[in-house]
Amino acid sequence: MKRGSDALLDDTTEAGLGLLTAALQRAQAGERDRAALCEPLGHMEAAILSAILDGLADPASIADLRPPQCGGSD
């Protein structure tokens, strides 16, 4: 059974998002050229990929998108 990012990439392919999946795989392999990665994508897919690239470059930039942590240090 696949887990994590591999399972997510499979889900995007099954949802008809093959170009986004290919770009995500390239980013997962270390490519960070935003223009090259987004070039074949539509506007919505490019926005998704851009947010992911921003998060990879600066995890704090997507802190508001992450679910709250359970069991804090109260």
PDB file of N, CA and C in Angstrom:
ATOM      1  N   MET A   1       0.838  -1.181   0.000  1.00  0.00           N
ATOM      2  CA  MET A   1       0.000   0.000   0.000  1.00  0.00           C
ATOM      3  C   MET A   1       0.883   1.244   0.000  1.00  0.00           C
ATOM      4  N   LYS A   2       0.613   2.158  -0.924  1.00  0.00           N
ATOM      5  CA  LYS A   2       1.392   3.389  -0.986  1.00  0.00           C
ATOM      6  C   LYS A   2       0.906   4.362   0.070  1.00  0.00           C
ATOM      7  N   ARG A   3       1.825   5.166   0.566  1.00  0.00           N
ATOM      8  CA  ARG A   3       1.484   6.151   1.578  1.00  0.00           C
ATOM      9  C   ARG A   3       2.099   7.487   1.214  1.00  0.00           C
ATOM     10  N   GLY A   4       1.610   8.526   1.845  1.00  0.00           N
ATOM     11  CA  GLY A   4       2.209   9.839   1.724  1.00  0.00           C
ATOM     12  C   GLY A   4       2.097  10.433   0.338  1.00  0.00           C
ATOM     13  N   SER A   5       3.184  11.049  -0.093  1.00  0.00           N
ATOM     14  CA  SER A   5       3.166  11.795  -1.353  1.00  0.00           C
ATOM     15  C   SER A   5       2.929  10.886  -2.557  1.00  0.00           C
ATOM     16  N   ASP A   6       3.397   9.640  -2.522  1.00  0.00           N
ATOM     17  CA  ASP A   6       3.167   8.735  -3.651  1.00  0.00           C
ATOM     18  C   ASP A   6       1.678   8.459  -3.834  1.00  0.00           C
ATOM     19  N   ALA A   7       0.953   8.253  -2.742  1.00  0.00           N
ATOM     20  CA  ALA A   7      -0.487   8.010  -2.825  1.00  0.00           C
ATOM     21  C   ALA A   7      -1.203   9.256  -3.322  1.00  0.00           C
ATOM     22  N   LEU A   8      -0.781  10.427  -2.868  1.00  0.00           N
ATOM     23  CA  LEU A   8      -1.376  11.677  -3.325  1.00  0.00           C
ATOM     24  C   LEU A   8      -1.173  11.860  -4.822  1.00  0.00           C
ATOM     25  N   LEU A   9       0.024  11.569  -5.309  1.00  0.00           N
ATOM     26  CA  LEU A   9       0.295  11.696  -6.740  1.00  0.00           C
ATOM     27  C   LEU A   9      -0.564  10.726  -7.544  1.00  0.00           C
ATOM     28  N   ASP A  10      -0.775   9.530  -7.038  1.00  0.00           N
ATOM     29  CA  ASP A  10      -1.662   8.584  -7.713  1.00  0.00           C
ATOM     30  C   ASP A  10      -3.082   9.133  -7.774  1.00  0.00           C
ATOM     31  N   ASP A  11      -3.537   9.755  -6.683  1.00  0.00           N
ATOM     32  CA  ASP A  11      -4.881  10.329  -6.646  1.00  0.00           C
ATOM     33  C   ASP A  11      -5.038  11.456  -7.659  1.00  0.00           C
ATOM     34  N   THR A  12      -4.012  12.302  -7.814  1.00  0.00           N
ATOM     35  CA  THR A  12      -4.122  13.393  -8.777  1.00  0.00           C
ATOM     36  C   THR A  12      -4.165  12.862 -10.200  1.00  0.00           C
ATOM     37  N   THR A  13      -3.443  11.807 -10.478  1.00  0.00           N
ATOM     38  CA  THR A  13      -3.474  11.209 -11.815  1.00  0.00           C
ATOM     39  C   THR A  13      -4.864  10.648 -12.098  1.00  0.00           C
ATOM     40  N   GLU A  14      -5.437   9.945 -11.139  1.00  0.00           N
ATOM     41  CA  GLU A  14      -6.761   9.360 -11.308  1.00  0.00           C
ATOM     42  C   GLU A  14      -7.832  10.427 -11.461  1.00  0.00           C
ATOM     43  N   ALA A  15      -7.607  11.611 -10.916  1.00  0.00           N
ATOM     44  CA  ALA A  15      -8.578  12.705 -11.002  1.00  0.00           C
ATOM     45  C   ALA A  15      -8.443  13.488 -12.307  1.00  0.00           C
ATOM     46  N   GLY A  16      -7.610  13.038 -13.219  1.00  0.00           N
ATOM     47  CA  GLY A  16      -7.445  13.720 -14.495  1.00  0.00           C
ATOM     48  C   GLY A  16      -6.482  14.883 -14.441  1.00  0.00           C
ATOM     49  N   LEU A  17      -5.604  14.881 -13.479  1.00  0.00           N
ATOM     50  CA  LEU A  17      -4.643  15.970 -13.313  1.00  0.00           C
ATOM     51  C   LEU A  17      -3.239  15.496 -13.648  1.00  0.00           C
ATOM     52  N   GLY A  18      -3.107  14.821 -14.765  1.00  0.00           N
ATOM     53  CA  GLY A  18      -1.835  14.229 -15.154  1.00  0.00           C
ATOM     54  C   GLY A  18      -0.700  15.225 -15.300  1.00  0.00           C
ATOM     55  N   LEU A  19      -0.981  16.415 -15.862  1.00  0.00           N
ATOM     56  CA  LEU A  19       0.081  17.411 -16.017  1.00  0.00           C
ATOM     57  C   LEU A  19       0.550  17.927 -14.658  1.00  0.00           C
ATOM     58  N   LEU A  20      -0.404  18.125 -13.747  1.00  0.00           N
ATOM     59  CA  LEU A  20      -0.030  18.553 -12.398  1.00  0.00           C
ATOM     60  C   LEU A  20       0.775  17.460 -11.711  1.00  0.00           C
ATOM     61  N   THR A  21       0.357  16.219 -11.881  1.00  0.00           N
ATOM     62  CA  THR A  21       1.084  15.099 -11.290  1.00  0.00           C
ATOM     63  C   THR A  21       2.520  15.064 -11.786  1.00  0.00           C
ATOM     64  N   ALA A  22       2.703  15.238 -13.089  1.00  0.00           N
ATOM     65  CA  ALA A  22       4.056  15.225 -13.655  1.00  0.00           C
ATOM     66  C   ALA A  22       4.891  16.362 -13.081  1.00  0.00           C
ATOM     67  N   ALA A  23       4.298  17.544 -12.945  1.00  0.00           N
ATOM     68  CA  ALA A  23       5.024  18.684 -12.384  1.00  0.00           C
ATOM     69  C   ALA A  23       5.361  18.441 -10.913  1.00  0.00           C
ATOM     70  N   LEU A  24       4.438  17.847 -10.172  1.00  0.00           N
ATOM     71  CA  LEU A  24       4.701  17.536  -8.762  1.00  0.00           C
ATOM     72  C   LEU A  24       5.819  16.506  -8.630  1.00  0.00           C
ATOM     73  N   GLN A  25       5.844  15.537  -9.517  1.00  0.00           N
ATOM     74  CA  GLN A  25       6.914  14.542  -9.486  1.00  0.00           C
ATOM     75  C   GLN A  25       8.263  15.183  -9.772  1.00  0.00           C
ATOM     76  N   ARG A  26       8.287  16.121 -10.711  1.00  0.00           N
ATOM     77  CA  ARG A  26       9.535  16.836 -11.007  1.00  0.00           C
ATOM     78  C   ARG A  26       9.966  17.666  -9.799  1.00  0.00           C
ATOM     79  N   ALA A  27       9.016  18.325  -9.134  1.00  0.00           N
ATOM     80  CA  ALA A  27       9.343  19.112  -7.945  1.00  0.00           C
ATOM     81  C   ALA A  27       9.826  18.202  -6.820  1.00  0.00           C
ATOM     82  N   GLN A  28       9.183  17.043  -6.668  1.00  0.00           N
ATOM     83  CA  GLN A  28       9.586  16.078  -5.649  1.00  0.00           C
ATOM     84  C   GLN A  28      11.012  15.589  -5.905  1.00  0.00           C
ATOM     85  N   ALA A  29      11.401  15.537  -7.172  1.00  0.00           N
ATOM     86  CA  ALA A  29      12.752  15.103  -7.535  1.00  0.00           C
ATOM     87  C   ALA A  29      13.779  16.220  -7.371  1.00  0.00           C
ATOM     88  N   GLY A  30      13.308  17.430  -7.015  1.00  0.00           N
ATOM     89  CA  GLY A  30      14.243  18.514  -6.726  1.00  0.00           C
ATOM     90  C   GLY A  30      14.200  19.696  -7.666  1.00  0.00           C
ATOM     91  N   GLU A  31      13.427  19.600  -8.746  1.00  0.00           N
ATOM     92  CA  GLU A  31      13.355  20.727  -9.675  1.00  0.00           C
ATOM     93  C   GLU A  31      12.590  21.881  -9.023  1.00  0.00           C
ATOM     94  N   ARG A  32      13.096  23.103  -9.181  1.00  0.00           N
ATOM     95  CA  ARG A  32      12.458  24.265  -8.569  1.00  0.00           C
ATOM     96  C   ARG A  32      12.236  25.414  -9.551  1.00  0.00           C
ATOM     97  N   ASP A  33      12.433  25.185 -10.847  1.00  0.00           N
ATOM     98  CA  ASP A  33      12.225  26.227 -11.847  1.00  0.00           C
ATOM     99  C   ASP A  33      10.718  26.411 -12.045  1.00  0.00           C
ATOM    100  N   ARG A  34      10.160  27.394 -11.342  1.00  0.00           N
ATOM    101  CA  ARG A  34       8.712  27.614 -11.326  1.00  0.00           C
ATOM    102  C   ARG A  34       8.153  27.796 -12.739  1.00  0.00           C
ATOM    103  N   ALA A  35       8.814  28.591 -13.559  1.00  0.00           N
ATOM    104  CA  ALA A  35       8.313  28.843 -14.918  1.00  0.00           C
ATOM    105  C   ALA A  35       8.254  27.554 -15.726  1.00  0.00           C
ATOM    106  N   ALA A  36       9.295  26.748 -15.642  1.00  0.00           N
ATOM    107  CA  ALA A  36       9.329  25.492 -16.399  1.00  0.00           C
ATOM    108  C   ALA A  36       8.291  24.500 -15.870  1.00  0.00           C
ATOM    109  N   LEU A  37       8.125  24.443 -14.558  1.00  0.00           N
ATOM    110  CA  LEU A  37       7.172  23.511 -13.976  1.00  0.00           C
ATOM    111  C   LEU A  37       5.729  23.913 -14.279  1.00  0.00           C
ATOM    112  N   CYS A  38       5.438  25.215 -14.274  1.00  0.00           N
ATOM    113  CA  CYS A  38       4.068  25.698 -14.462  1.00  0.00           C
ATOM    114  C   CYS A  38       3.668  25.873 -15.921  1.00  0.00           C
ATOM    115  N   GLU A  39       4.639  25.903 -16.826  1.00  0.00           N
ATOM    116  CA  GLU A  39       4.363  26.208 -18.237  1.00  0.00           C
ATOM    117  C   GLU A  39       3.259  25.348 -18.847  1.00  0.00           C
ATOM    118  N   PRO A  40       3.229  24.026 -18.643  1.00  0.00           N
ATOM    119  CA  PRO A  40       2.181  23.233 -19.293  1.00  0.00           C
ATOM    120  C   PRO A  40       0.848  23.223 -18.538  1.00  0.00           C
ATOM    121  N   LEU A  41       0.791  23.880 -17.387  1.00  0.00           N
ATOM    122  CA  LEU A  41      -0.384  23.791 -16.523  1.00  0.00           C
ATOM    123  C   LEU A  41      -1.395  24.893 -16.807  1.00  0.00           C
ATOM    124  N   GLY A  42      -2.636  24.620 -16.448  1.00  0.00           N
ATOM    125  CA  GLY A  42      -3.673  25.646 -16.463  1.00  0.00           C
ATOM    126  C   GLY A  42      -3.494  26.555 -15.251  1.00  0.00           C
ATOM    127  N   HIS A  43      -4.306  27.597 -15.185  1.00  0.00           N
ATOM    128  CA  HIS A  43      -4.169  28.579 -14.105  1.00  0.00           C
ATOM    129  C   HIS A  43      -4.348  27.962 -12.716  1.00  0.00           C
ATOM    130  N   MET A  44      -5.362  27.136 -12.545  1.00  0.00           N
ATOM    131  CA  MET A  44      -5.631  26.536 -11.230  1.00  0.00           C
ATOM    132  C   MET A  44      -4.507  25.585 -10.821  1.00  0.00           C
ATOM    133  N   GLU A  45      -4.059  24.750 -11.745  1.00  0.00           N
ATOM    134  CA  GLU A  45      -2.990  23.810 -11.432  1.00  0.00           C
ATOM    135  C   GLU A  45      -1.691  24.553 -11.124  1.00  0.00           C
ATOM    136  N   ALA A  46      -1.425  25.639 -11.862  1.00  0.00           N
ATOM    137  CA  ALA A  46      -0.220  26.434 -11.615  1.00  0.00           C
ATOM    138  C   ALA A  46      -0.274  27.088 -10.236  1.00  0.00           C
ATOM    139  N   ALA A  47      -1.457  27.526  -9.820  1.00  0.00           N
ATOM    140  CA  ALA A  47      -1.609  28.127  -8.491  1.00  0.00           C
ATOM    141  C   ALA A  47      -1.338  27.089  -7.396  1.00  0.00           C
ATOM    142  N   ILE A  48      -1.835  25.873  -7.604  1.00  0.00           N
ATOM    143  CA  ILE A  48      -1.597  24.801  -6.634  1.00  0.00           C
ATOM    144  C   ILE A  48      -0.100  24.504  -6.543  1.00  0.00           C
ATOM    145  N   LEU A  49       0.533  24.356  -7.694  1.00  0.00           N
ATOM    146  CA  LEU A  49       1.963  24.052  -7.714  1.00  0.00           C
ATOM    147  C   LEU A  49       2.771  25.195  -7.110  1.00  0.00           C
ATOM    148  N   SER A  50       2.402  26.418  -7.397  1.00  0.00           N
ATOM    149  CA  SER A  50       3.115  27.571  -6.834  1.00  0.00           C
ATOM    150  C   SER A  50       3.033  27.586  -5.314  1.00  0.00           C
ATOM    151  N   ALA A  51       1.859  27.275  -4.768  1.00  0.00           N
ATOM    152  CA  ALA A  51       1.721  27.222  -3.315  1.00  0.00           C
ATOM    153  C   ALA A  51       2.606  26.132  -2.721  1.00  0.00           C
ATOM    154  N   ILE A  52       2.689  25.005  -3.395  1.00  0.00           N
ATOM    155  CA  ILE A  52       3.552  23.916  -2.921  1.00  0.00           C
ATOM    156  C   ILE A  52       5.015  24.328  -2.975  1.00  0.00           C
ATOM    157  N   LEU A  53       5.423  24.954  -4.075  1.00  0.00           N
ATOM    158  CA  LEU A  53       6.815  25.408  -4.182  1.00  0.00           C
ATOM    159  C   LEU A  53       7.133  26.460  -3.119  1.00  0.00           C
ATOM    160  N   ASP A  54       6.182  27.364  -2.854  1.00  0.00           N
ATOM    161  CA  ASP A  54       6.382  28.355  -1.784  1.00  0.00           C
ATOM    162  C   ASP A  54       6.571  27.662  -0.444  1.00  0.00           C
ATOM    163  N   GLY A  55       5.766  26.651  -0.189  1.00  0.00           N
ATOM    164  CA  GLY A  55       5.871  25.913   1.070  1.00  0.00           C
ATOM    165  C   GLY A  55       7.178  25.159   1.202  1.00  0.00           C
ATOM    166  N   LEU A  56       7.679  24.634   0.097  1.00  0.00           N
ATOM    167  CA  LEU A  56       8.966  23.945   0.135  1.00  0.00           C
ATOM    168  C   LEU A  56      10.103  24.925   0.413  1.00  0.00           C
ATOM    169  N   ALA A  57      10.024  26.111  -0.192  1.00  0.00           N
ATOM    170  CA  ALA A  57      11.072  27.118  -0.019  1.00  0.00           C
ATOM    171  C   ALA A  57      11.024  27.748   1.367  1.00  0.00           C
ATOM    172  N   ASP A  58       9.807  27.935   1.894  1.00  0.00           N
ATOM    173  CA  ASP A  58       9.641  28.599   3.193  1.00  0.00           C
ATOM    174  C   ASP A  58       8.410  28.019   3.878  1.00  0.00           C
ATOM    175  N   PRO A  59       8.576  26.969   4.674  1.00  0.00           N
ATOM    176  CA  PRO A  59       7.428  26.323   5.316  1.00  0.00           C
ATOM    177  C   PRO A  59       6.545  27.282   6.120  1.00  0.00           C
ATOM    178  N   ALA A  60       7.116  28.356   6.635  1.00  0.00           N
ATOM    179  CA  ALA A  60       6.320  29.315   7.390  1.00  0.00           C
ATOM    180  C   ALA A  60       5.283  30.007   6.504  1.00  0.00           C
ATOM    181  N   SER A  61       5.536  30.046   5.193  1.00  0.00           N
ATOM    182  CA  SER A  61       4.619  30.736   4.280  1.00  0.00           C
ATOM    183  C   SER A  61       3.277  30.023   4.151  1.00  0.00           C
ATOM    184  N   ILE A  62       3.220  28.767   4.540  1.00  0.00           N
ATOM    185  CA  ILE A  62       1.965  28.025   4.453  1.00  0.00           C
ATOM    186  C   ILE A  62       1.457  27.583   5.822  1.00  0.00           C
ATOM    187  N   ALA A  63       1.972  28.194   6.868  1.00  0.00           N
ATOM    188  CA  ALA A  63       1.584  27.803   8.228  1.00  0.00           C
ATOM    189  C   ALA A  63       0.079  27.904   8.441  1.00  0.00           C
ATOM    190  N   ASP A  64      -0.568  28.900   7.854  1.00  0.00           N
ATOM    191  CA  ASP A  64      -2.008  29.065   8.018  1.00  0.00           C
ATOM    192  C   ASP A  64      -2.810  27.983   7.310  1.00  0.00           C
ATOM    193  N   LEU A  65      -2.204  27.278   6.383  1.00  0.00           N
ATOM    194  CA  LEU A  65      -2.891  26.227   5.647  1.00  0.00           C
ATOM    195  C   LEU A  65      -2.834  24.882   6.356  1.00  0.00           C
ATOM    196  N   ARG A  66      -1.961  24.763   7.326  1.00  0.00           N
ATOM    197  CA  ARG A  66      -1.784  23.497   8.027  1.00  0.00           C
ATOM    198  C   ARG A  66      -2.812  23.359   9.131  1.00  0.00           C
ATOM    199  N   PRO A  67      -3.281  22.135   9.380  1.00  0.00           N
ATOM    200  CA  PRO A  67      -4.241  21.933  10.481  1.00  0.00           C
ATOM    201  C   PRO A  67      -3.542  22.174  11.822  1.00  0.00           C
ATOM    202  N   PRO A  68      -4.319  22.589  12.814  1.00  0.00           N
ATOM    203  CA  PRO A  68      -3.707  22.793  14.140  1.00  0.00           C
ATOM    204  C   PRO A  68      -3.160  21.486  14.699  1.00  0.00           C
ATOM    205  N   GLN A  69      -2.078  21.594  15.442  1.00  0.00           N
ATOM    206  CA  GLN A  69      -1.476  20.419  16.063  1.00  0.00           C
ATOM    207  C   GLN A  69      -2.282  19.998  17.286  1.00  0.00           C
ATOM    208  N   CYS A  70      -2.474  18.721  17.454  1.00  0.00           N
ATOM    209  CA  CYS A  70      -3.164  18.187  18.622  1.00  0.00           C
ATOM    210  C   CYS A  70      -2.183  18.034  19.778  1.00  0.00           C
ATOM    211  N   GLY A  71      -2.673  18.197  20.977  1.00  0.00           N
ATOM    212  CA  GLY A  71      -1.846  17.956  22.156  1.00  0.00           C
ATOM    213  C   GLY A  71      -0.670  18.886  22.279  1.00  0.00           C
ATOM    214  N   GLY A  72      -0.929  20.176  22.314  1.00  0.00           N
ATOM    215  CA  GLY A  72       0.142  21.164  22.430  1.00  0.00           C
ATOM    216  C   GLY A  72       0.909  21.047  23.736  1.00  0.00           C
ATOM    217  N   SER A  73       1.761  21.968  23.994  1.00  0.00           N
ATOM    218  CA  SER A  73       2.607  21.921  25.196  1.00  0.00           C
ATOM    219  C   SER A  73       2.019  22.764  26.306  1.00  0.00           C
ATOM    220  N   ASP A  74       0.712  22.586  26.569  1.00  0.00           N
ATOM    221  CA  ASP A  74       0.021  23.344  27.625  1.00  0.00           C
ATOM    222  C   ASP A  74       0.488  22.965  28.987  1.00  0.00           C
TER     223      ASP A  74
END
